[in-house]
N, C-alpha and C. Protein backbone atom coordinates (compact mmCIF):
# COMPACT_ATOMS: atom_id res chain seq x y z
N MET A 1 183.42 89.93 47.42
CA MET A 1 182.57 89.65 48.38
C MET A 1 181.57 91.18 47.98
N LYS A 2 179.80 90.43 47.40
CA LYS A 2 178.84 91.65 47.25
C LYS A 2 178.16 91.69 48.45
N VAL A 3 178.08 93.43 49.13
CA VAL A 3 177.13 93.78 49.63
C VAL A 3 176.20 94.35 49.42
N LEU A 4 174.85 94.23 49.79
CA LEU A 4 173.67 94.94 49.08
C LEU A 4 172.56 95.68 49.97
N GLY A 5 172.81 96.85 49.89
CA GLY A 5 171.39 97.34 51.10
C GLY A 5 170.37 98.04 50.52
N ILE A 6 169.36 97.79 51.00
CA ILE A 6 167.99 98.22 50.25
C ILE A 6 167.23 98.82 51.71
N HIS A 7 166.55 100.02 51.33
CA HIS A 7 165.99 101.04 52.24
C HIS A 7 164.80 101.08 51.93
N SER A 8 163.36 101.30 52.86
CA SER A 8 162.38 101.59 52.01
C SER A 8 161.92 102.86 52.88
N SER A 9 163.00 103.90 53.37
CA SER A 9 161.78 105.20 53.55
C SER A 9 161.45 105.69 52.73
N PRO A 10 160.84 106.81 52.43
CA PRO A 10 160.12 107.46 51.19
C PRO A 10 160.85 108.93 51.46
N ILE A 11 161.77 108.68 52.31
CA ILE A 11 162.86 110.35 51.95
C ILE A 11 163.79 109.98 51.61
N LYS A 12 164.10 110.66 50.46
CA LYS A 12 165.65 109.87 50.00
C LYS A 12 166.88 110.07 50.95
N ASN A 13 166.65 111.39 51.63
CA ASN A 13 168.28 111.71 52.33
C ASN A 13 168.13 111.75 54.21
N GLY A 14 166.93 110.89 54.21
CA GLY A 14 166.68 110.88 55.36
C GLY A 14 167.35 110.17 56.19
N ASN A 15 166.74 110.28 58.04
CA ASN A 15 167.89 108.83 58.47
C ASN A 15 168.04 107.12 58.23
N THR A 16 167.00 107.17 57.31
CA THR A 16 166.93 105.31 57.16
C THR A 16 168.07 105.57 55.71
N ALA A 17 168.04 106.33 55.08
CA ALA A 17 169.21 106.32 53.89
C ALA A 17 170.21 106.77 54.59
N TYR A 18 170.70 107.49 55.56
CA TYR A 18 171.50 107.55 56.17
C TYR A 18 172.36 106.71 57.11
N LEU A 19 171.47 105.88 57.72
CA LEU A 19 171.90 104.45 58.57
C LEU A 19 172.38 103.65 57.42
N LEU A 20 171.61 102.98 56.44
CA LEU A 20 171.99 102.38 55.36
C LEU A 20 173.61 102.73 54.84
N ASP A 21 173.38 104.30 54.63
CA ASP A 21 175.15 104.29 53.65
C ASP A 21 175.93 104.39 54.88
N TYR A 22 176.11 104.51 56.34
CA TYR A 22 176.89 104.18 56.78
C TYR A 22 177.05 103.32 56.91
N ALA A 23 176.28 101.83 57.11
CA ALA A 23 176.71 100.76 57.30
C ALA A 23 177.47 99.95 55.85
N LEU A 24 177.02 100.35 54.45
CA LEU A 24 177.56 100.17 53.59
C LEU A 24 179.23 100.63 53.22
N GLU A 25 179.19 101.79 53.75
CA GLU A 25 180.61 103.06 53.99
C GLU A 25 181.48 102.05 54.91
N GLU A 26 180.83 101.19 55.83
CA GLU A 26 182.04 100.26 56.92
C GLU A 26 182.06 99.10 56.18
N ALA A 27 181.29 98.50 55.01
CA ALA A 27 181.12 97.41 54.63
C ALA A 27 183.08 97.43 53.63
N ALA A 28 182.33 98.58 52.86
CA ALA A 28 183.53 98.94 51.48
C ALA A 28 184.92 99.09 51.99
N LYS A 29 184.88 99.50 53.52
CA LYS A 29 186.51 99.55 53.76
C LYS A 29 187.26 98.28 53.79
N ALA A 30 186.40 97.16 53.85
CA ALA A 30 187.31 95.81 53.79
C ALA A 30 187.44 95.25 52.54
N GLU A 31 188.58 94.80 52.28
CA GLU A 31 189.13 94.48 50.91
C GLU A 31 188.54 93.57 50.34
N GLY A 32 188.26 93.99 48.92
CA GLY A 32 187.79 92.42 48.13
C GLY A 32 186.25 92.77 48.25
N VAL A 33 185.34 94.58 48.95
CA VAL A 33 184.66 94.23 49.43
C VAL A 33 183.73 95.17 48.40
N SER A 34 182.37 94.59 47.59
CA SER A 34 181.82 95.99 46.69
C SER A 34 180.20 96.23 47.81
N ALA A 35 179.93 97.49 47.35
CA ALA A 35 178.73 97.57 48.17
C ALA A 35 177.36 98.56 47.61
N GLU A 36 176.72 98.38 47.36
CA GLU A 36 175.31 98.62 46.48
C GLU A 36 174.53 99.19 47.77
N SER A 37 173.54 100.64 47.04
CA SER A 37 172.48 100.90 47.78
C SER A 37 171.23 100.88 46.91
N ILE A 38 170.00 100.96 47.64
CA ILE A 38 169.16 100.90 46.69
C ILE A 38 167.79 101.69 47.80
N ALA A 39 167.30 102.39 47.38
CA ALA A 39 166.08 102.61 47.80
C ALA A 39 164.52 102.46 47.35
N LEU A 40 163.67 101.97 47.74
CA LEU A 40 162.59 101.31 47.14
C LEU A 40 161.79 102.53 46.75
N ALA A 41 161.77 103.67 47.47
CA ALA A 41 160.77 104.91 47.40
C ALA A 41 160.81 105.28 45.73
N GLY A 42 159.57 105.17 45.52
CA GLY A 42 159.24 105.71 44.01
C GLY A 42 159.51 104.90 43.10
N LEU A 43 159.71 103.57 43.46
CA LEU A 43 159.76 102.52 42.48
C LEU A 43 158.65 101.97 42.45
N SER A 44 158.01 101.50 41.38
CA SER A 44 156.95 100.56 40.66
C SER A 44 156.96 98.78 41.65
N ILE A 45 156.41 98.41 42.57
CA ILE A 45 156.56 97.06 42.91
C ILE A 45 155.44 96.70 43.17
N ALA A 46 154.70 95.77 42.51
CA ALA A 46 153.76 95.26 42.88
C ALA A 46 153.53 94.28 43.89
N ASP A 47 152.45 93.68 44.62
CA ASP A 47 152.30 92.95 45.86
C ASP A 47 152.61 91.35 45.46
N CYS A 48 153.21 90.83 45.66
CA CYS A 48 153.16 89.19 45.36
C CYS A 48 151.55 88.50 45.43
N ARG A 49 151.53 88.24 44.38
CA ARG A 49 150.01 87.47 43.92
C ARG A 49 149.89 86.19 44.57
N GLN A 50 150.75 85.47 44.48
CA GLN A 50 150.55 84.02 45.24
C GLN A 50 150.52 82.99 44.25
N CYS A 51 150.74 83.28 43.18
CA CYS A 51 150.37 82.81 41.74
C CYS A 51 151.09 81.63 41.53
N ASN A 52 152.25 81.47 42.30
CA ASN A 52 153.14 79.74 41.70
C ASN A 52 153.81 79.92 40.83
N TRP A 53 153.57 80.74 40.16
CA TRP A 53 154.34 80.75 38.60
C TRP A 53 155.61 80.59 38.60
N CYS A 54 156.66 81.46 39.68
CA CYS A 54 157.95 80.65 39.73
C CYS A 54 158.18 79.15 40.04
N MET A 55 157.49 78.32 40.62
CA MET A 55 157.06 76.91 40.99
C MET A 55 157.24 76.20 39.57
N THR A 56 157.11 76.76 38.52
CA THR A 56 156.83 76.08 37.27
C THR A 56 157.54 76.81 36.05
N LYS A 57 157.69 77.77 35.98
CA LYS A 57 157.67 79.05 34.88
C LYS A 57 158.67 79.40 35.02
N GLN A 58 159.89 79.92 36.33
CA GLN A 58 160.72 80.24 36.43
C GLN A 58 161.84 80.23 36.02
N THR A 59 162.72 81.26 35.31
CA THR A 59 164.09 81.49 34.23
C THR A 59 165.11 81.82 35.21
N PRO A 60 166.24 81.75 34.81
CA PRO A 60 167.32 82.92 35.27
C PRO A 60 167.21 84.26 35.08
N GLU A 61 167.07 84.15 33.95
CA GLU A 61 166.85 85.54 33.71
C GLU A 61 164.86 86.19 34.03
N ARG A 62 164.16 85.40 34.66
CA ARG A 62 162.94 86.47 35.24
C ARG A 62 162.93 85.27 35.92
N LEU A 63 162.61 85.83 37.53
CA LEU A 63 162.68 85.44 38.50
C LEU A 63 160.85 85.22 39.18
N CYS A 64 160.28 86.08 38.51
CA CYS A 64 158.62 86.20 39.07
C CYS A 64 158.12 86.68 37.79
N SER A 65 156.57 86.27 38.32
CA SER A 65 155.66 86.54 36.61
C SER A 65 155.52 88.25 36.76
N ILE A 66 155.71 89.30 37.37
CA ILE A 66 155.78 90.09 37.97
C ILE A 66 156.50 91.42 37.12
N GLU A 67 156.68 91.83 36.48
CA GLU A 67 157.79 92.36 35.75
C GLU A 67 157.30 93.89 36.11
N ASP A 68 158.55 94.46 36.97
CA ASP A 68 158.33 95.95 37.27
C ASP A 68 159.54 96.21 37.99
N ASP A 69 159.71 97.23 38.68
CA ASP A 69 161.04 97.39 39.40
C ASP A 69 161.44 96.77 40.41
N ALA A 70 160.38 95.94 41.00
CA ALA A 70 161.50 95.37 41.57
C ALA A 70 162.53 93.74 41.03
N SER A 71 162.07 93.95 39.55
CA SER A 71 163.05 92.41 38.78
C SER A 71 164.55 92.69 39.28
N PRO A 72 164.88 93.82 38.80
CA PRO A 72 166.08 93.86 39.09
C PRO A 72 167.19 93.99 39.96
N ILE A 73 166.02 94.16 41.06
CA ILE A 73 166.67 94.30 42.67
C ILE A 73 166.49 92.91 43.14
N LEU A 74 165.92 92.16 42.56
CA LEU A 74 165.86 90.31 43.14
C LEU A 74 167.00 89.78 42.33
N GLN A 75 167.13 90.18 41.04
CA GLN A 75 168.91 89.72 40.68
C GLN A 75 169.62 90.26 41.56
N LYS A 76 169.58 91.38 41.72
CA LYS A 76 171.07 92.13 42.40
C LYS A 76 170.63 91.00 43.94
N ILE A 77 169.86 90.39 44.57
CA ILE A 77 169.78 89.95 45.71
C ILE A 77 170.15 88.46 45.79
N ARG A 78 169.77 87.58 44.58
CA ARG A 78 170.32 86.54 44.19
C ARG A 78 172.06 86.36 44.18
N ASP A 79 172.50 87.96 43.62
CA ASP A 79 173.82 87.50 43.70
C ASP A 79 174.62 87.88 44.36
N CYS A 80 174.36 88.63 45.90
CA CYS A 80 174.82 89.20 46.40
C CYS A 80 175.15 88.25 47.57
N ASP A 81 176.33 88.50 48.38
CA ASP A 81 176.59 87.79 49.56
C ASP A 81 176.17 87.81 51.01
N VAL A 82 175.98 89.64 50.80
CA VAL A 82 175.17 89.80 52.22
C VAL A 82 174.30 90.71 52.40
N LEU A 83 173.02 90.62 52.65
CA LEU A 83 171.76 91.68 52.21
C LEU A 83 171.75 92.64 53.45
N ILE A 84 171.34 93.63 53.64
CA ILE A 84 171.09 94.61 54.56
C ILE A 84 169.59 94.92 54.41
N LEU A 85 168.57 94.85 55.05
CA LEU A 85 167.40 95.56 55.39
C LEU A 85 167.47 96.63 55.92
N ALA A 86 166.88 97.59 55.53
CA ALA A 86 166.52 98.74 56.37
C ALA A 86 165.40 99.28 56.40
N SER A 87 164.27 99.57 57.19
CA SER A 87 163.15 100.00 57.58
C SER A 87 163.48 101.06 58.15
N PRO A 88 162.06 102.01 58.16
CA PRO A 88 161.87 102.96 59.12
C PRO A 88 160.91 102.40 60.19
N VAL A 89 160.37 102.73 61.30
CA VAL A 89 159.73 101.93 62.30
C VAL A 89 158.12 102.79 61.93
N TYR A 90 157.23 101.58 61.35
CA TYR A 90 155.90 102.21 61.30
C TYR A 90 154.85 101.40 62.27
N PHE A 91 153.76 102.26 62.98
CA PHE A 91 152.96 101.77 63.91
C PHE A 91 153.81 100.49 64.41
N SER A 92 154.97 100.43 64.97
CA SER A 92 155.51 99.53 65.90
C SER A 92 155.93 97.75 64.80
N ARG A 93 156.08 98.40 63.52
CA ARG A 93 156.57 97.07 62.52
C ARG A 93 157.54 97.96 61.50
N LEU A 94 157.44 97.49 60.60
CA LEU A 94 158.20 97.67 59.53
C LEU A 94 157.50 98.09 58.25
N SER A 95 158.02 99.07 57.38
CA SER A 95 157.06 100.03 56.76
C SER A 95 156.37 98.61 55.78
N GLY A 96 155.36 99.53 54.94
CA GLY A 96 154.78 98.42 54.05
C GLY A 96 155.46 98.43 52.79
N THR A 97 156.06 99.40 52.13
CA THR A 97 156.75 99.14 51.27
C THR A 97 158.22 97.72 51.57
N MET A 98 158.73 97.90 52.72
CA MET A 98 159.47 96.85 53.02
C MET A 98 158.85 95.42 53.30
N ALA A 99 157.42 95.54 53.60
CA ALA A 99 156.76 94.53 53.83
C ALA A 99 156.48 93.56 52.70
N CYS A 100 156.14 94.77 51.52
CA CYS A 100 155.92 94.56 50.18
C CYS A 100 156.95 93.67 49.45
N PHE A 101 157.96 94.69 49.68
CA PHE A 101 159.27 94.16 49.06
C PHE A 101 159.62 92.46 49.09
N ILE A 102 159.39 92.39 50.69
CA ILE A 102 159.59 91.16 51.49
C ILE A 102 159.04 90.10 50.60
N ASP A 103 157.83 90.54 50.49
CA ASP A 103 156.78 89.54 50.09
C ASP A 103 156.94 88.72 48.54
N ARG A 104 157.79 89.86 47.88
CA ARG A 104 158.24 89.39 46.45
C ARG A 104 159.64 88.70 46.01
N THR A 105 159.93 88.20 47.51
CA THR A 105 161.41 87.45 47.56
C THR A 105 160.92 85.88 47.66
N ARG A 106 159.68 86.13 47.85
CA ARG A 106 159.01 84.82 47.35
C ARG A 106 159.27 83.56 46.40
N CYS A 107 159.79 84.31 45.48
CA CYS A 107 160.47 83.89 44.00
C CYS A 107 161.75 82.62 44.58
N PHE A 108 162.40 83.43 45.49
CA PHE A 108 163.30 82.37 45.98
C PHE A 108 163.24 81.23 46.66
N THR A 109 161.80 81.32 47.43
CA THR A 109 161.53 80.06 48.45
C THR A 109 161.38 78.73 47.70
N PHE A 110 160.33 79.19 46.88
CA PHE A 110 160.22 78.03 46.14
C PHE A 110 160.33 78.01 44.59
N GLY A 111 160.86 78.58 43.88
CA GLY A 111 161.44 79.41 42.60
C GLY A 111 162.01 77.57 41.76
N LYS A 112 161.21 77.80 40.68
CA LYS A 112 161.79 76.85 40.18
C LYS A 112 163.49 76.55 39.69
N ASN A 113 163.96 77.92 39.77
CA ASN A 113 165.58 77.83 39.22
C ASN A 113 166.25 77.88 40.62
N GLY A 114 165.59 77.47 41.81
CA GLY A 114 166.54 77.28 42.59
C GLY A 114 166.17 77.14 43.95
N HIS A 115 165.58 76.20 44.37
CA HIS A 115 164.48 76.43 45.60
C HIS A 115 165.71 76.67 46.75
N LEU A 116 165.22 77.66 47.83
CA LEU A 116 165.64 78.20 48.50
C LEU A 116 166.67 78.88 48.22
N ALA A 117 167.06 79.80 47.10
CA ALA A 117 168.11 80.05 46.71
C ALA A 117 168.78 80.83 47.33
N LEU A 118 168.26 81.63 48.37
CA LEU A 118 169.20 82.65 49.16
C LEU A 118 170.21 82.01 50.53
N LYS A 119 169.79 80.78 50.82
CA LYS A 119 170.71 80.18 51.56
C LYS A 119 171.60 80.04 51.90
N GLY A 120 172.02 80.62 52.89
CA GLY A 120 173.30 80.49 53.43
C GLY A 120 173.98 82.05 53.14
N LYS A 121 173.30 82.46 52.41
CA LYS A 121 173.68 84.08 52.69
C LYS A 121 173.59 85.09 53.78
N VAL A 122 174.14 85.99 53.96
CA VAL A 122 173.97 86.37 55.41
C VAL A 122 173.16 87.72 54.98
N GLY A 123 172.32 87.75 56.08
CA GLY A 123 171.45 88.91 56.53
C GLY A 123 171.38 89.89 57.56
N VAL A 124 171.70 90.96 57.60
CA VAL A 124 171.19 91.88 58.46
C VAL A 124 170.23 93.01 58.56
N ALA A 125 169.62 93.26 59.95
CA ALA A 125 168.44 94.01 59.51
C ALA A 125 168.81 95.23 60.16
N LEU A 126 168.28 97.09 59.74
CA LEU A 126 168.66 98.03 60.35
C LEU A 126 166.88 98.74 60.55
N ALA A 127 166.81 99.38 61.24
CA ALA A 127 165.25 99.96 61.60
C ALA A 127 166.02 101.23 62.27
N VAL A 128 165.08 102.38 61.91
CA VAL A 128 165.57 103.52 62.65
C VAL A 128 163.58 103.90 63.18
N GLY A 129 164.07 104.27 64.16
CA GLY A 129 162.79 104.76 64.95
C GLY A 129 162.73 106.30 65.85
N TRP A 130 162.12 106.87 65.87
CA TRP A 130 161.98 108.06 66.81
C TRP A 130 162.50 107.61 67.90
N CYS A 131 162.43 106.94 68.66
CA CYS A 131 162.27 106.48 70.33
C CYS A 131 162.79 104.97 70.17
N ARG A 132 163.40 104.59 71.12
CA ARG A 132 164.16 103.50 70.99
C ARG A 132 162.68 101.91 71.52
N ASN A 133 162.02 102.72 72.27
CA ASN A 133 160.93 101.43 72.53
C ASN A 133 159.61 101.70 72.23
N LEU A 134 159.73 101.69 70.81
CA LEU A 134 158.25 102.06 70.33
C LEU A 134 158.38 101.39 68.78
N GLY A 135 158.59 100.32 68.66
CA GLY A 135 158.56 99.07 68.04
C GLY A 135 159.77 98.84 67.13
N MET A 136 160.81 99.12 67.84
CA MET A 136 162.27 98.68 66.91
C MET A 136 162.58 97.86 66.66
N GLU A 137 162.51 96.51 68.10
CA GLU A 137 162.84 95.54 67.93
C GLU A 137 161.51 94.37 67.30
N THR A 138 160.38 94.88 66.84
CA THR A 138 159.16 94.00 66.28
C THR A 138 159.62 94.50 65.09
N THR A 139 160.35 95.60 64.28
CA THR A 139 160.18 95.56 62.96
C THR A 139 161.83 94.89 62.75
N LEU A 140 162.68 94.86 63.46
CA LEU A 140 164.04 93.72 63.24
C LEU A 140 163.27 92.53 63.00
N SER A 141 162.67 91.82 64.12
CA SER A 141 162.55 90.66 63.93
C SER A 141 161.49 89.96 63.01
N SER A 142 160.71 90.96 62.88
CA SER A 142 160.06 90.81 61.18
C SER A 142 161.04 90.63 59.99
N ILE A 143 161.93 91.83 60.05
CA ILE A 143 162.92 91.33 58.87
C ILE A 143 163.89 90.27 58.88
N TYR A 144 164.21 89.66 60.19
CA TYR A 144 164.73 88.67 60.74
C TYR A 144 163.84 87.46 60.62
N GLY A 145 163.10 87.44 60.43
CA GLY A 145 161.78 86.21 60.09
C GLY A 145 161.77 86.43 58.87
N ALA A 146 161.98 86.75 58.01
CA ALA A 146 162.27 86.88 56.70
C ALA A 146 163.76 86.07 56.30
N PHE A 147 164.39 86.77 56.81
CA PHE A 147 165.83 85.83 56.87
C PHE A 147 165.96 84.26 56.69
N LEU A 148 165.16 84.29 58.09
CA LEU A 148 164.93 82.30 58.82
C LEU A 148 164.35 81.79 57.52
N VAL A 149 162.87 82.40 56.84
CA VAL A 149 162.25 81.59 55.94
C VAL A 149 162.95 81.26 54.74
N HIS A 150 163.94 81.84 54.00
CA HIS A 150 164.85 82.00 53.34
C HIS A 150 166.41 80.89 53.89
N GLU A 151 166.39 80.50 55.23
CA GLU A 151 167.06 79.96 55.44
C GLU A 151 168.14 80.42 55.61
N MET A 152 168.52 81.97 55.53
CA MET A 152 169.64 82.50 55.49
C MET A 152 170.56 82.57 56.55
N ARG A 153 171.53 83.02 56.67
CA ARG A 153 172.51 83.42 58.15
C ARG A 153 172.13 84.75 58.94
N THR A 154 171.36 84.52 59.92
CA THR A 154 171.29 85.61 60.75
C THR A 154 172.55 86.11 61.82
N LEU A 155 172.29 86.83 62.13
CA LEU A 155 173.50 87.32 63.02
C LEU A 155 173.09 87.74 64.65
N SER A 156 173.68 87.47 65.45
CA SER A 156 173.36 88.31 66.91
C SER A 156 174.95 88.40 67.11
N CYS A 157 175.06 89.30 67.96
CA CYS A 157 176.48 89.86 68.38
C CYS A 157 176.48 91.10 69.68
N HIS A 158 176.37 90.02 70.54
CA HIS A 158 176.85 90.62 71.84
C HIS A 158 177.50 91.99 72.04
N ALA A 159 178.49 91.77 71.49
CA ALA A 159 179.27 92.95 71.65
C ALA A 159 178.79 94.45 71.11
N ALA A 160 177.83 94.19 70.21
CA ALA A 160 177.22 95.53 69.60
C ALA A 160 175.47 95.75 70.09
N GLY A 161 175.40 94.70 70.97
CA GLY A 161 174.12 94.57 71.86
C GLY A 161 172.62 94.63 70.73
N ALA A 162 173.02 93.83 69.58
CA ALA A 162 172.29 93.41 68.72
C ALA A 162 171.68 91.85 68.51
N LEU A 163 170.98 91.56 69.30
CA LEU A 163 170.29 89.75 68.83
C LEU A 163 169.13 89.94 67.51
N TYR A 164 168.98 91.02 67.16
CA TYR A 164 167.84 90.70 66.03
C TYR A 164 168.38 91.88 64.58
N GLY A 165 169.52 92.37 65.07
CA GLY A 165 169.62 93.87 64.11
C GLY A 165 170.22 94.87 64.86
N VAL A 166 170.20 95.53 64.58
CA VAL A 166 170.35 97.12 65.31
C VAL A 166 168.88 98.14 65.14
N GLY A 167 168.67 99.09 65.77
CA GLY A 167 167.97 99.79 66.16
C GLY A 167 168.50 101.13 66.17
N VAL A 168 168.09 102.00 65.80
CA VAL A 168 168.99 103.27 65.60
C VAL A 168 167.66 104.36 66.05
N VAL A 169 168.14 105.39 66.76
CA VAL A 169 166.93 105.85 67.59
C VAL A 169 167.45 107.75 66.30
N SER A 170 166.07 108.42 66.09
CA SER A 170 166.16 109.48 65.51
C SER A 170 166.12 110.86 66.05
N GLY A 171 164.70 110.45 67.07
CA GLY A 171 164.59 111.36 67.66
C GLY A 171 165.36 111.78 68.99
N GLN A 172 166.23 113.10 68.93
CA GLN A 172 167.30 113.02 70.08
C GLN A 172 166.92 113.98 71.23
N ARG A 173 167.26 113.77 72.06
CA ARG A 173 166.60 114.83 73.23
C ARG A 173 167.60 115.63 73.84
N ASP A 174 167.47 116.96 74.31
CA ASP A 174 168.12 117.85 74.90
C ASP A 174 168.39 117.49 76.34
N GLU A 175 169.03 118.46 77.08
CA GLU A 175 169.44 118.24 78.57
C GLU A 175 168.14 118.21 79.30
N ASN A 176 167.15 118.71 78.67
CA ASN A 176 165.47 118.99 79.51
C ASN A 176 164.96 117.79 79.25
N PHE A 177 165.19 117.26 78.06
CA PHE A 177 164.43 115.94 77.58
C PHE A 177 163.55 116.67 76.65
N VAL A 178 163.65 117.46 75.66
CA VAL A 178 162.73 117.99 75.29
C VAL A 178 163.26 117.75 73.34
N TYR A 179 162.72 117.06 72.71
CA TYR A 179 163.38 116.55 71.44
C TYR A 179 163.70 117.56 70.32
N LYS A 180 164.70 117.76 70.32
CA LYS A 180 165.60 118.25 69.03
C LYS A 180 164.95 118.61 67.30
N ARG A 181 164.78 120.03 67.38
CA ARG A 181 164.67 119.45 66.07
C ARG A 181 165.86 119.78 64.80
N GLU A 182 165.83 118.03 64.64
CA GLU A 182 167.49 117.36 63.47
C GLU A 182 166.55 116.89 62.88
N LYS A 183 166.71 116.97 60.93
CA LYS A 183 166.49 116.14 60.26
C LYS A 183 167.14 115.01 60.57
N LEU A 184 168.40 114.97 60.54
CA LEU A 184 169.20 113.49 60.88
C LEU A 184 169.68 113.21 62.15
N GLY A 185 168.93 113.44 63.13
CA GLY A 185 168.89 112.97 64.22
C GLY A 185 169.96 111.60 64.82
N VAL A 186 169.58 110.86 63.76
CA VAL A 186 170.85 109.44 64.36
C VAL A 186 172.15 109.54 64.14
N LYS A 187 172.41 110.33 63.37
CA LYS A 187 174.00 111.06 63.43
C LYS A 187 174.32 111.28 65.12
N ASP A 188 173.30 111.43 65.86
CA ASP A 188 173.74 111.64 67.52
C ASP A 188 173.42 110.37 68.18
N ASP A 189 173.07 109.58 67.67
CA ASP A 189 173.06 107.97 67.86
C ASP A 189 174.15 106.99 68.17
N ARG A 190 175.26 107.76 69.23
CA ARG A 190 176.36 107.18 69.03
C ARG A 190 176.53 105.53 69.45
N GLU A 191 175.59 105.23 70.19
CA GLU A 191 175.40 104.24 70.17
C GLU A 191 174.69 102.82 69.49
N GLY A 192 173.76 103.62 68.79
CA GLY A 192 173.40 102.61 67.42
C GLY A 192 174.06 102.86 66.47
N LEU A 193 174.98 103.55 66.05
CA LEU A 193 175.96 103.77 64.90
C LEU A 193 177.18 102.66 65.18
N HIS A 194 177.51 102.94 66.32
CA HIS A 194 178.83 101.77 66.96
C HIS A 194 178.12 100.36 66.86
N SER A 195 177.39 100.25 67.14
CA SER A 195 176.53 98.47 67.06
C SER A 195 176.32 98.25 65.49
N THR A 196 176.01 99.41 64.39
CA THR A 196 175.64 99.34 62.95
C THR A 196 177.15 98.44 62.52
N LYS A 197 178.32 99.63 63.26
CA LYS A 197 179.56 98.93 62.62
C LYS A 197 180.14 97.58 62.96
N LEU A 198 179.50 97.40 64.62
CA LEU A 198 179.89 96.18 64.79
C LEU A 198 179.30 94.81 64.09
N LEU A 199 178.10 95.00 63.85
CA LEU A 199 177.14 94.31 63.52
C LEU A 199 177.80 93.94 61.88
N VAL A 200 177.95 94.84 61.25
CA VAL A 200 178.61 95.02 59.97
C VAL A 200 180.00 94.24 59.63
N ARG A 201 180.87 94.59 60.57
CA ARG A 201 182.07 93.62 60.36
C ARG A 201 181.67 92.51 60.70
N GLU A 202 180.47 91.84 61.42
CA GLU A 202 180.46 90.50 62.04
C GLU A 202 179.86 89.54 60.25
N ALA A 203 179.26 90.82 60.25
CA ALA A 203 178.18 89.53 58.62
C ALA A 203 179.16 89.78 57.83
N LEU A 204 180.72 90.24 57.40
CA LEU A 204 181.65 89.84 56.40
C LEU A 204 182.39 89.24 57.16
N ARG A 205 182.58 88.70 58.59
CA ARG A 205 182.97 87.74 58.65
C ARG A 205 182.25 86.46 58.66
N THR A 206 181.09 86.60 58.81
CA THR A 206 180.53 85.53 58.55
C THR A 206 179.88 85.06 57.22
N ALA A 207 180.25 86.05 56.55
CA ALA A 207 180.29 85.80 54.97
C ALA A 207 181.49 84.76 54.66
N GLN A 208 182.53 85.39 54.99
CA GLN A 208 183.92 85.13 54.69
C GLN A 208 184.25 83.61 54.87
N LYS A 209 183.40 82.98 55.98
CA LYS A 209 183.44 81.59 56.38
C LYS A 209 182.83 80.53 55.53
N LYS A 210 181.75 81.21 54.73
CA LYS A 210 181.02 80.33 53.64
C LYS A 210 181.53 79.14 53.44
């Protein structure tokens, strides 16, 4: 089973990257599972042009008319069993980088080489926000919305308290409710990390039932 994780934080070793690695490490503990992480920061990824090239000219080797850094990532998405998308929260929504990349997956929706090519794959959404109630669920629901467009299998895990995915808080406070100056505050969100672990396990169980 192949688990592919993609994050859109501009910070190489920041909170979102840490959370994704945490999720992938949990997945890799399972027998027969390989996990790979991809950071979108610094890559050249153009906007989807809505040109419909994929509907008439797509081939297994070339999924989209645009050839840039998204091309090999799209191939990996096509070949994975579980896709984990992780985004920081920007103005109560997912990051522009992640939104742009998700738009490029349109090549799987109507592509000549496989209409709804991602149908049946398992999708997991992760979000990192400074506070728990400032756009976490809207970010997660945007990612889940993309999964639904592809007719992927989205997860709900009551044990994890996760109906749309998992949101983890990076802004931690001390006993006086003053924010701590910590680069990786997600490490201290025990509830969020525990929920991430439970949701990843549920994703693997769901993928095995395919």
